[in-house]
Amino acid sequence: MKNEIVRCICTDMTVEGHGIARNEGGLVLFVKGLLTGEEADVKIISHKKNVAYAIIDRLITPSPYRCESACPVAYKCGGCDLRHMSYEGQLQYKKKTVENTLHSAGLSLKVRDVIGADLLDRYRDKAQVPFHDGALGYYRRFSNDIVEEKDCLLQSERVNAILQCVKEEALKDHLAASFRHILVREGKKTNEIMVGLIVREDISKRTDRLVRVLTEHFPQIVSVILNINTRNDNVILGEKEILLYGRDYLEDELDGLRFRISFRSFYQIHPYQAEKLYAVVRELGEVSKEDRVFDLYCGIGTISLYLARYAKEVIGIEIVDAAVKNAEENAKLNGIENARFYCRDAKEDLRPYLKDCDLLVVDPPRKGLAPRLIESLKEIPVKKIVYVSCNAATFARDLKLLEGHYEISEVQPVDMFPQTVHIETVCALSKLSEAKHHISLQVDMDELDVAAAESKATYHEIQD
């Protein structure tokens, strides 16, 4: 079966961007790079009991959304998944992905058209690139092999030049063997640059020339940090940091606000789309000067401070202490006095905060909301929640868990990651009235009774 060539028609696509098809015998095929509606001869590269994985051998009927990739290594690299698809096709694919994910979770919600991006390339403000054995580039998907490319189209030309400069100078100084990753942050509005050298051992006494060359060639660099990671796993950042040059932060602007961003802080990858995303949060949250807003997973305070201009008060909660300090500094930097920040874990009991909350904004990591938080939101339903998610699967899971306690609005996807399969989703949840909550519980019980009856009937049919 391996290396066999079979003809198939793609009927759908996975969340990873692979085409789904079947051969004449009914075997399910996952085909890299195949778009919905396309007919192709594909070569099977891996076969399991019920499915096979394949690559395109010869494209017979191309999709109207197929386009020529502008990147020569996109098919090999794990960075861009959809460069062979037009942007109109990408937006349609992402909307359908969200719809399918919600449907699979048992949710019947309307999904709005995706809010697209104006900037499709050179948008990333952070590059975190593996640098092993003298090779610099992103990993091939499902592999530890590095695909080298000097000009990644998702990153600015300046960031790519800085990455190549670090590589060349590290090789000259015989430092390359100590490297794990190179991290570059870029302030899109301020032009400030931070460079992070992530290494296996302390090489701080051997980096003077490297730092001098970097800062002379790129005067926009305001910070160079050495991060030491001695672990033998896939965790990227180590615990110890040494400031080699400048300050330990850079600054950028977002919707008229200025933010200080430290080495470890989360900041939206596509800052131009972030402004659109936060406008959606404000719209769905219907934020007013009467509202006390609670921003969970607040990071350095970007959403908190954005909303503070429209709300009575904002309280931000974040588990990373450095991010909380950044948020406090950012509030002072922007002269915002109605925002406060606390270092807390979402796994803790947050019910005391929820009691006086008019609007709860949650923007969790990919794993979604903490189970204890979900239980708290069931016990003490807040008036309104705006849920921002970068993972449609955990987003759908959490909405399903809260469904009987809240009325869920339409879902608004925002494309924060053009050329990739990733999509940001936002929706609002409003507290159900007691009457509606009772009806919801009754419907749930009725469904359980029906399911139990069907199960019992099936059991007796089997016995008969």
Protein backbone atom coordinates (compact mmCIF):
# COMPACT_ATOMS: atom_id res chain seq x y z
CA MET A 1 0.00 0.00 0.00
CA LYS A 2 2.86 2.43 0.78
CA ASN A 3 4.06 4.35 -2.32
CA GLU A 4 0.91 3.30 -4.19
CA ILE A 5 -0.60 5.95 -6.48
CA VAL A 6 -4.39 6.31 -6.20
CA ARG A 7 -6.87 8.73 -7.76
CA CYS A 8 -9.28 10.61 -5.48
CA ILE A 9 -11.47 13.70 -5.11
CA CYS A 10 -11.11 15.91 -2.04
CA THR A 11 -14.45 16.33 -0.23
CA ASP A 12 -13.34 18.37 2.81
CA MET A 13 -10.31 19.60 4.76
CA THR A 14 -9.03 18.92 8.26
CA VAL A 15 -8.26 21.57 10.88
CA GLU A 16 -4.58 21.05 9.97
CA GLY A 17 -5.33 22.03 6.35
CA HIS A 18 -5.02 18.55 4.84
CA GLY A 19 -7.47 17.38 2.20
CA ILE A 20 -9.87 14.54 3.06
CA ALA A 21 -10.65 12.01 0.35
CA ARG A 22 -11.43 8.29 -0.20
CA ASN A 23 -10.10 5.83 -2.70
CA GLU A 24 -12.30 3.41 -4.62
CA GLY A 25 -12.11 0.91 -1.77
CA GLY A 26 -13.41 3.46 0.75
CA LEU A 27 -10.08 4.04 2.51
CA VAL A 28 -9.93 7.51 4.08
CA LEU A 29 -6.99 9.54 2.78
CA PHE A 30 -5.48 12.64 4.39
CA VAL A 31 -3.61 14.46 1.62
CA LYS A 32 -1.21 17.31 2.32
CA GLY A 33 -1.88 20.36 0.15
CA LEU A 34 -5.10 19.08 -1.47
CA LEU A 35 -8.04 21.52 -1.52
CA THR A 36 -11.76 20.78 -1.37
CA GLY A 37 -13.16 19.83 -4.80
CA GLU A 38 -9.79 18.95 -6.32
CA GLU A 39 -9.17 15.68 -8.16
CA ALA A 40 -5.65 14.31 -8.00
CA ASP A 41 -3.45 11.26 -8.18
CA VAL A 42 -1.88 10.96 -4.74
CA LYS A 43 0.99 8.92 -3.40
CA ILE A 44 0.46 7.08 -0.12
CA ILE A 45 3.38 7.67 2.26
CA SER A 46 1.96 6.10 5.41
CA HIS A 47 -0.81 3.59 6.01
CA LYS A 48 -2.65 2.64 9.17
CA LYS A 49 -5.61 0.35 9.79
CA ASN A 50 -8.40 2.68 8.67
CA VAL A 51 -6.63 5.70 7.19
CA ALA A 52 -3.68 6.60 5.00
CA TYR A 53 -1.57 9.72 4.63
CA ALA A 54 -0.63 10.90 1.16
CA ILE A 55 0.96 13.67 -0.90
CA ILE A 56 -0.07 15.01 -4.30
CA ASP A 57 1.59 13.17 -7.17
CA ARG A 58 -0.37 14.82 -10.03
CA LEU A 59 -3.09 17.45 -9.76
CA ILE A 60 -5.84 16.79 -12.30
CA THR A 61 -8.57 19.33 -11.48
CA PRO A 62 -7.42 22.34 -9.43
CA SER A 63 -9.67 24.34 -7.13
CA PRO A 64 -10.59 27.91 -8.16
CA TYR A 65 -8.99 28.90 -4.82
CA ARG A 66 -5.61 27.34 -5.61
CA CYS A 67 -2.79 29.81 -6.15
CA GLU A 68 0.97 29.75 -6.61
CA SER A 69 2.86 29.86 -3.31
CA ALA A 70 5.16 32.88 -2.95
CA CYS A 71 7.42 30.93 -0.58
CA PRO A 72 9.74 28.27 -2.04
CA VAL A 73 9.75 26.14 1.15
CA ALA A 74 6.12 26.54 2.29
CA TYR A 75 5.26 22.93 1.45
CA LYS A 76 8.16 21.63 3.57
CA CYS A 77 8.10 24.15 6.42
CA GLY A 78 5.67 23.89 9.32
CA GLY A 79 5.00 27.63 9.42
CA CYS A 80 2.53 28.39 6.60
CA ASP A 81 -0.19 25.82 5.94
CA LEU A 82 -2.32 27.64 3.34
CA ARG A 83 0.01 29.51 0.98
CA HIS A 84 -1.36 27.45 -1.92
CA MET A 85 -4.87 28.84 -1.24
CA SER A 86 -6.15 32.31 -2.18
CA TYR A 87 -7.04 34.58 0.72
CA GLU A 88 -10.76 34.42 -0.16
CA GLY A 89 -10.48 30.65 0.05
CA GLN A 90 -8.62 30.85 3.38
CA LEU A 91 -11.40 32.93 4.94
CA GLN A 92 -14.08 30.52 3.74
CA TYR A 93 -12.06 27.53 4.98
CA LYS A 94 -11.57 29.10 8.41
CA LYS A 95 -15.25 29.93 8.80
CA LYS A 96 -16.21 26.37 7.90
CA THR A 97 -13.59 24.99 10.31
CA VAL A 98 -15.19 26.96 13.16
CA GLU A 99 -18.69 25.83 12.10
CA ASN A 100 -17.63 22.16 11.95
CA THR A 101 -15.89 22.35 15.34
CA LEU A 102 -18.94 23.88 17.03
CA HIS A 103 -21.25 21.34 15.37
CA SER A 104 -19.05 18.46 16.53
CA ALA A 105 -19.43 19.75 20.10
CA GLY A 106 -23.22 19.72 19.76
CA LEU A 107 -23.62 23.49 19.43
CA SER A 108 -25.97 25.18 16.95
CA LEU A 109 -24.53 28.67 16.74
CA LYS A 110 -24.40 31.11 13.86
CA VAL A 111 -20.87 31.90 12.72
CA ARG A 112 -20.33 35.31 11.18
CA ASP A 113 -18.04 35.85 8.20
CA VAL A 114 -14.38 36.00 9.22
CA ILE A 115 -12.94 39.48 9.72
CA GLY A 116 -10.00 39.36 7.34
CA ALA A 117 -6.63 41.07 7.48
CA ASP A 118 -5.32 43.88 5.32
CA LEU A 119 -1.72 42.77 5.84
CA LEU A 120 -1.23 39.15 4.76
CA ASP A 121 2.57 38.96 4.87
CA ARG A 122 5.34 40.49 7.01
CA TYR A 123 2.85 40.83 9.87
CA ARG A 124 4.42 38.84 12.71
CA ASP A 125 5.96 40.96 15.47
CA LYS A 126 7.71 37.98 17.05
CA ALA A 127 10.01 35.33 15.58
CA GLN A 128 11.14 32.37 17.67
CA VAL A 129 13.34 30.29 15.40
CA PRO A 130 15.21 27.04 16.14
CA PHE A 131 19.00 27.25 15.65
CA HIS A 132 20.65 23.80 15.90
CA ASP A 133 23.96 22.51 14.58
CA GLY A 134 24.44 25.62 12.49
CA ALA A 135 21.00 25.30 10.82
CA LEU A 136 18.49 28.13 11.27
CA GLY A 137 14.82 27.77 10.32
CA TYR A 138 11.47 26.32 11.29
CA TYR A 139 10.81 22.64 11.85
CA ARG A 140 9.36 20.49 9.12
CA ARG A 141 5.89 19.44 10.32
CA PHE A 142 5.96 16.35 12.60
CA SER A 143 9.76 16.35 12.47
CA ASN A 144 12.87 17.70 14.16
CA ASP A 145 14.42 18.53 10.78
CA ILE A 146 15.01 22.24 10.22
CA VAL A 147 13.90 23.78 6.92
CA GLU A 148 16.23 26.70 6.20
CA GLU A 149 14.96 29.85 4.44
CA LYS A 150 16.63 33.25 4.71
CA ASP A 151 13.48 35.24 3.98
CA CYS A 152 10.41 34.03 5.87
CA LEU A 153 7.47 35.96 4.41
CA LEU A 154 5.59 36.09 7.71
CA GLN A 155 8.41 38.14 9.26
CA SER A 156 9.74 41.53 8.25
CA GLU A 157 12.86 41.75 6.10
CA ARG A 158 14.63 43.41 9.02
CA VAL A 159 13.81 40.58 11.42
CA ASN A 160 15.03 38.04 8.85
CA ALA A 161 18.27 40.02 8.43
CA ILE A 162 18.80 40.07 12.21
CA LEU A 163 18.30 36.30 12.41
CA GLN A 164 20.86 35.72 9.67
CA CYS A 165 23.30 38.13 11.32
CA VAL A 166 23.09 36.25 14.64
CA LYS A 167 23.65 32.97 12.83
CA GLU A 168 26.68 34.20 10.88
CA GLU A 169 28.35 35.88 13.86
CA ALA A 170 27.66 32.91 16.15
CA LEU A 171 29.33 30.62 13.62
CA LYS A 172 32.34 32.95 13.37
CA ASP A 173 32.74 33.02 17.17
CA HIS A 174 32.20 29.25 17.53
CA LEU A 175 29.07 29.85 19.62
CA ALA A 176 26.56 28.06 17.40
CA ALA A 177 26.81 24.75 19.29
CA SER A 178 25.48 26.49 22.41
CA PHE A 179 22.34 27.84 20.73
CA ARG A 180 18.83 26.42 20.90
CA HIS A 181 16.66 29.26 19.50
CA ILE A 182 16.85 32.89 18.47
CA LEU A 183 13.96 35.15 19.46
CA VAL A 184 13.31 38.55 17.89
CA ARG A 185 10.48 40.91 18.89
CA GLU A 186 9.64 43.94 16.76
CA GLY A 187 7.55 46.99 17.65
CA LYS A 188 5.59 47.51 14.45
CA LYS A 189 4.65 51.10 15.32
CA THR A 190 7.83 52.11 17.21
CA ASN A 191 10.45 50.16 15.19
CA GLU A 192 12.09 49.02 18.45
CA ILE A 193 13.73 45.58 18.39
CA MET A 194 14.47 43.02 21.13
CA VAL A 195 16.81 40.09 20.44
CA GLY A 196 16.82 36.99 22.64
CA LEU A 197 19.65 34.43 22.44
CA ILE A 198 18.37 31.14 23.87
CA VAL A 199 21.32 28.93 24.72
CA ARG A 200 22.26 25.70 26.52
CA GLU A 201 24.90 27.28 28.77
CA ASP A 202 26.08 30.65 30.02
CA ILE A 203 28.07 32.20 27.16
CA SER A 204 27.63 35.79 28.36
CA LYS A 205 31.40 36.40 28.62
CA ARG A 206 31.85 35.41 24.97
CA THR A 207 29.12 37.48 23.35
CA ASP A 208 30.64 40.99 23.36
CA ARG A 209 31.56 40.98 19.68
CA LEU A 210 28.25 39.44 18.61
CA VAL A 211 26.28 42.08 20.52
CA ARG A 212 28.47 44.89 19.16
CA VAL A 213 28.04 43.75 15.55
CA LEU A 214 24.28 43.36 16.01
CA THR A 215 23.72 46.79 17.53
CA GLU A 216 25.99 48.53 15.02
CA HIS A 217 24.21 46.97 12.05
CA PHE A 218 20.73 47.40 13.51
CA PRO A 219 20.47 50.60 15.59
CA GLN A 220 16.76 49.85 16.20
CA ILE A 221 17.81 47.17 18.71
CA VAL A 222 17.03 48.40 22.24
CA SER A 223 17.49 45.09 24.06
CA VAL A 224 19.64 41.94 23.81
CA ILE A 225 18.90 39.19 26.33
CA LEU A 226 20.64 35.88 26.95
CA ASN A 227 18.24 33.15 28.10
CA ILE A 228 19.88 30.02 29.51
CA ASN A 229 17.94 26.78 29.10
CA THR A 230 19.76 23.64 30.34
CA ARG A 231 16.72 21.36 30.06
CA ASN A 232 16.66 18.28 27.85
CA ASP A 233 13.09 18.65 26.60
CA ASN A 234 11.09 20.77 24.16
CA VAL A 235 10.48 23.69 26.53
CA ILE A 236 11.90 26.69 24.69
CA LEU A 237 12.72 29.20 27.43
CA GLY A 238 14.91 28.62 30.46
CA GLU A 239 14.54 30.26 33.86
CA LYS A 240 17.74 32.36 33.91
CA GLU A 241 18.12 35.57 31.90
CA ILE A 242 21.07 37.95 31.54
CA LEU A 243 20.67 41.41 30.03
CA LEU A 244 23.52 41.85 27.55
CA TYR A 245 22.52 45.21 26.09
CA GLY A 246 20.04 48.05 26.62
CA ARG A 247 16.83 47.55 28.59
CA ASP A 248 14.78 44.47 29.42
CA TYR A 249 11.75 45.55 27.39
CA LEU A 250 10.70 47.15 24.14
CA GLU A 251 7.71 49.41 23.50
CA ASP A 252 4.98 49.31 20.88
CA GLU A 253 1.68 51.07 20.24
CA LEU A 254 -1.80 49.61 19.85
CA ASP A 255 -4.86 51.77 19.11
CA GLY A 256 -3.22 54.85 20.56
CA LEU A 257 -1.94 53.08 23.68
CA ARG A 258 1.73 52.46 24.38
CA PHE A 259 2.85 49.12 25.82
CA ARG A 260 6.07 47.90 27.38
CA ILE A 261 6.68 44.29 26.41
CA SER A 262 9.14 42.13 28.32
CA PHE A 263 11.00 39.07 27.05
CA ARG A 264 8.40 36.53 28.25
CA SER A 265 5.23 38.60 27.89
CA PHE A 266 2.39 37.61 25.59
CA TYR A 267 1.55 40.17 22.92
CA GLN A 268 -0.66 39.66 19.88
CA ILE A 269 1.37 38.37 16.92
CA HIS A 270 -0.55 40.51 14.38
CA PRO A 271 -0.94 43.91 16.10
CA TYR A 272 -2.94 45.42 13.23
CA GLN A 273 -5.54 42.65 13.52
CA ALA A 274 -5.44 42.96 17.32
CA GLU A 275 -7.06 46.40 16.98
CA LYS A 276 -9.93 44.79 15.04
CA LEU A 277 -10.16 41.97 17.58
CA TYR A 278 -10.41 44.33 20.54
CA ALA A 279 -13.09 46.35 18.75
CA VAL A 280 -15.12 43.13 18.50
CA VAL A 281 -14.62 42.50 22.24
CA ARG A 282 -15.92 45.99 22.99
CA GLU A 283 -18.89 45.55 20.62
CA LEU A 284 -19.98 42.16 21.95
CA GLY A 285 -19.38 43.24 25.56
CA GLU A 286 -21.45 46.42 25.03
CA VAL A 287 -19.00 48.16 27.35
CA SER A 288 -20.28 51.33 29.05
CA LYS A 289 -19.06 53.78 31.68
CA GLU A 290 -21.25 51.97 34.21
CA ASP A 291 -19.45 48.63 33.84
CA ARG A 292 -16.98 46.96 36.15
CA VAL A 293 -14.93 44.73 33.85
CA PHE A 294 -12.93 41.70 34.96
CA ASP A 295 -10.19 40.65 32.49
CA LEU A 296 -8.91 37.14 33.11
CA TYR A 297 -5.63 35.96 31.53
CA CYS A 298 -4.89 39.65 31.00
CA GLY A 299 -1.18 39.37 30.16
CA ILE A 300 0.48 42.79 29.96
CA GLY A 301 -2.93 44.47 30.03
CA THR A 302 -3.65 45.12 26.34
CA ILE A 303 -7.37 44.28 26.46
CA SER A 304 -7.72 45.70 29.99
CA LEU A 305 -6.31 49.10 29.09
CA TYR A 306 -8.14 49.19 25.76
CA LEU A 307 -11.46 48.68 27.59
CA ALA A 308 -10.57 50.94 30.53
CA ARG A 309 -11.17 53.95 28.27
CA TYR A 310 -14.81 52.90 27.91
CA ALA A 311 -15.57 51.27 31.30
CA LYS A 312 -15.99 52.44 34.88
CA GLU A 313 -13.27 50.09 36.18
CA VAL A 314 -11.17 47.19 34.92
CA ILE A 315 -9.52 44.51 37.03
CA GLY A 316 -6.94 42.31 35.31
CA ILE A 317 -5.87 38.87 36.53
CA GLU A 318 -2.74 37.09 35.28
CA ILE A 319 -0.61 34.20 36.63
CA VAL A 320 2.73 35.50 35.29
CA ASP A 321 4.14 37.99 37.80
CA ALA A 322 6.35 39.76 35.23
CA ALA A 323 3.31 40.32 33.00
CA VAL A 324 1.35 41.81 35.92
CA LYS A 325 4.21 44.24 36.58
CA ASN A 326 4.22 45.11 32.86
CA ALA A 327 0.47 45.74 33.01
CA GLU A 328 0.84 48.07 35.99
CA GLU A 329 3.65 49.95 34.20
CA ASN A 330 1.53 50.17 31.05
CA ALA A 331 -1.38 51.68 32.98
CA LYS A 332 0.94 54.38 34.36
CA LEU A 333 2.56 54.88 30.95
CA ASN A 334 -0.85 55.68 29.45
CA GLY A 335 -2.19 57.68 32.39
CA ILE A 336 -5.00 55.15 33.03
CA GLU A 337 -6.13 55.20 36.65
CA ASN A 338 -9.22 52.98 36.55
CA ALA A 339 -7.35 49.69 35.94
CA ARG A 340 -5.86 47.41 38.61
CA PHE A 341 -3.92 44.18 38.18
CA TYR A 342 -3.42 41.12 40.39
CA CYS A 343 -1.24 38.02 40.15
CA ARG A 344 -3.65 35.08 40.49
CA ASP A 345 -4.13 31.63 38.96
CA ALA A 346 -7.34 30.87 37.03
CA LYS A 347 -7.36 27.51 38.85
CA GLU A 348 -7.93 29.34 42.15
CA ASP A 349 -11.35 30.22 43.57
CA LEU A 350 -12.21 33.45 41.75
CA ARG A 351 -15.84 33.64 42.90
CA PRO A 352 -15.23 36.69 45.15
CA TYR A 353 -14.24 38.66 42.04
CA LEU A 354 -17.19 37.43 39.98
CA LYS A 355 -19.88 38.64 42.40
CA ASP A 356 -19.48 42.31 41.45
CA CYS A 357 -18.56 41.78 37.81
CA ASP A 358 -20.64 43.35 35.02
CA LEU A 359 -18.49 41.97 32.21
CA LEU A 360 -15.96 39.14 32.30
CA VAL A 361 -13.43 38.96 29.45
CA VAL A 362 -11.53 35.68 29.11
CA ASP A 363 -8.66 35.15 26.66
CA PRO A 364 -7.13 31.85 27.82
CA PRO A 365 -4.19 29.90 26.37
CA ARG A 366 -4.88 27.10 23.88
CA LYS A 367 -5.94 24.65 26.58
CA GLY A 368 -9.01 26.79 27.32
CA LEU A 369 -10.69 27.70 30.59
CA ALA A 370 -9.67 26.01 33.84
CA PRO A 371 -12.31 23.46 35.02
CA ARG A 372 -12.64 25.22 38.38
CA LEU A 373 -13.37 28.51 36.64
CA ILE A 374 -16.12 26.89 34.58
CA GLU A 375 -17.71 25.50 37.75
CA SER A 376 -17.51 28.95 39.36
CA LEU A 377 -19.22 30.50 36.33
CA LYS A 378 -22.03 27.97 36.69
CA GLU A 379 -22.43 28.63 40.43
CA ILE A 380 -22.23 32.42 40.16
CA PRO A 381 -23.26 33.37 36.63
CA VAL A 382 -21.98 36.84 35.68
CA LYS A 383 -24.10 39.24 33.66
CA LYS A 384 -22.02 38.88 30.52
CA ILE A 385 -18.87 37.08 29.34
CA VAL A 386 -16.84 37.78 26.21
CA TYR A 387 -14.77 34.71 25.36
CA VAL A 388 -11.73 35.20 23.10
CA SER A 389 -10.04 32.00 21.93
CA CYS A 390 -7.12 30.93 19.74
CA ASN A 391 -8.25 27.28 19.77
CA ALA A 392 -11.67 26.50 18.29
CA ALA A 393 -11.75 23.00 19.84
CA THR A 394 -11.37 24.08 23.48
CA PHE A 395 -13.57 27.13 22.75
CA ALA A 396 -16.39 24.80 21.61
CA ARG A 397 -15.84 22.47 24.58
CA ASP A 398 -16.10 25.30 27.10
CA LEU A 399 -19.18 26.84 25.45
CA LYS A 400 -20.93 23.46 25.59
CA LEU A 401 -20.16 23.20 29.33
CA LEU A 402 -21.65 26.66 29.93
CA GLU A 403 -24.57 26.32 27.51
CA GLY A 404 -27.28 25.62 30.08
CA HIS A 405 -26.30 28.62 32.19
CA TYR A 406 -25.77 31.28 29.54
CA GLU A 407 -27.33 32.44 26.31
CA ILE A 408 -24.59 32.32 23.67
CA SER A 409 -24.40 34.92 20.88
CA GLU A 410 -23.18 34.52 17.34
CA VAL A 411 -19.53 33.59 16.95
CA GLN A 412 -17.21 36.11 15.31
CA PRO A 413 -13.96 34.72 13.86
CA VAL A 414 -11.04 37.11 13.36
CA ASP A 415 -8.11 36.11 11.17
CA MET A 416 -5.05 36.89 13.27
CA PHE A 417 -2.84 34.44 11.35
CA PRO A 418 -3.08 34.77 7.52
CA GLN A 419 -1.46 31.97 5.49
CA THR A 420 -1.91 29.51 8.40
CA VAL A 421 -4.79 27.34 9.58
CA HIS A 422 -5.09 29.18 12.89
CA ILE A 423 -8.12 31.37 13.66
CA GLU A 424 -9.22 33.54 16.59
CA THR A 425 -12.88 33.27 17.69
CA VAL A 426 -14.99 35.57 19.87
CA CYS A 427 -18.50 35.36 21.28
CA ALA A 428 -20.59 36.80 24.11
CA LEU A 429 -22.43 34.79 26.76
CA SER A 430 -25.29 36.40 28.70
CA LYS A 431 -26.65 35.13 32.00
CA LEU A 432 -29.94 33.27 31.57
CA SER A 433 -32.96 34.43 33.56
CA GLU A 434 -34.19 32.02 36.23
CA ALA A 435 -37.13 31.03 34.03
CA LYS A 436 -34.91 30.31 31.02
CA HIS A 437 -32.42 28.46 33.23
CA HIS A 438 -35.23 26.23 34.55
CA ILE A 439 -36.41 25.52 31.00
CA SER A 440 -32.84 24.72 29.95
CA LEU A 441 -32.44 22.26 32.82
CA GLN A 442 -35.77 20.66 31.97
CA VAL A 443 -34.73 20.25 28.32
CA ASP A 444 -31.48 18.62 29.46
CA MET A 445 -33.39 16.21 31.69
CA ASP A 446 -35.85 15.42 28.88
CA GLU A 447 -32.94 14.67 26.54
CA LEU A 448 -31.44 12.37 29.15
CA ASP A 449 -34.79 10.59 29.57
CA VAL A 450 -35.10 10.10 25.79
CA ALA A 451 -31.51 8.85 25.58
CA ALA A 452 -32.13 6.44 28.46
CA ALA A 453 -35.32 5.12 26.81
CA GLU A 454 -33.55 4.63 23.47
CA SER A 455 -30.70 2.86 25.20
CA LYS A 456 -33.12 0.57 27.03
CA ALA A 457 -35.00 -0.22 23.80
CA THR A 458 -31.74 -1.00 22.00
CA TYR A 459 -30.69 -3.28 24.87
CA HIS A 460 -33.95 -5.29 24.60
CA GLU A 461 -33.63 -5.51 20.79
CA ILE A 462 -30.14 -6.98 21.21
CA GLN A 463 -31.39 -9.44 23.82
CA ASP A 464 -34.26 -10.51 21.55
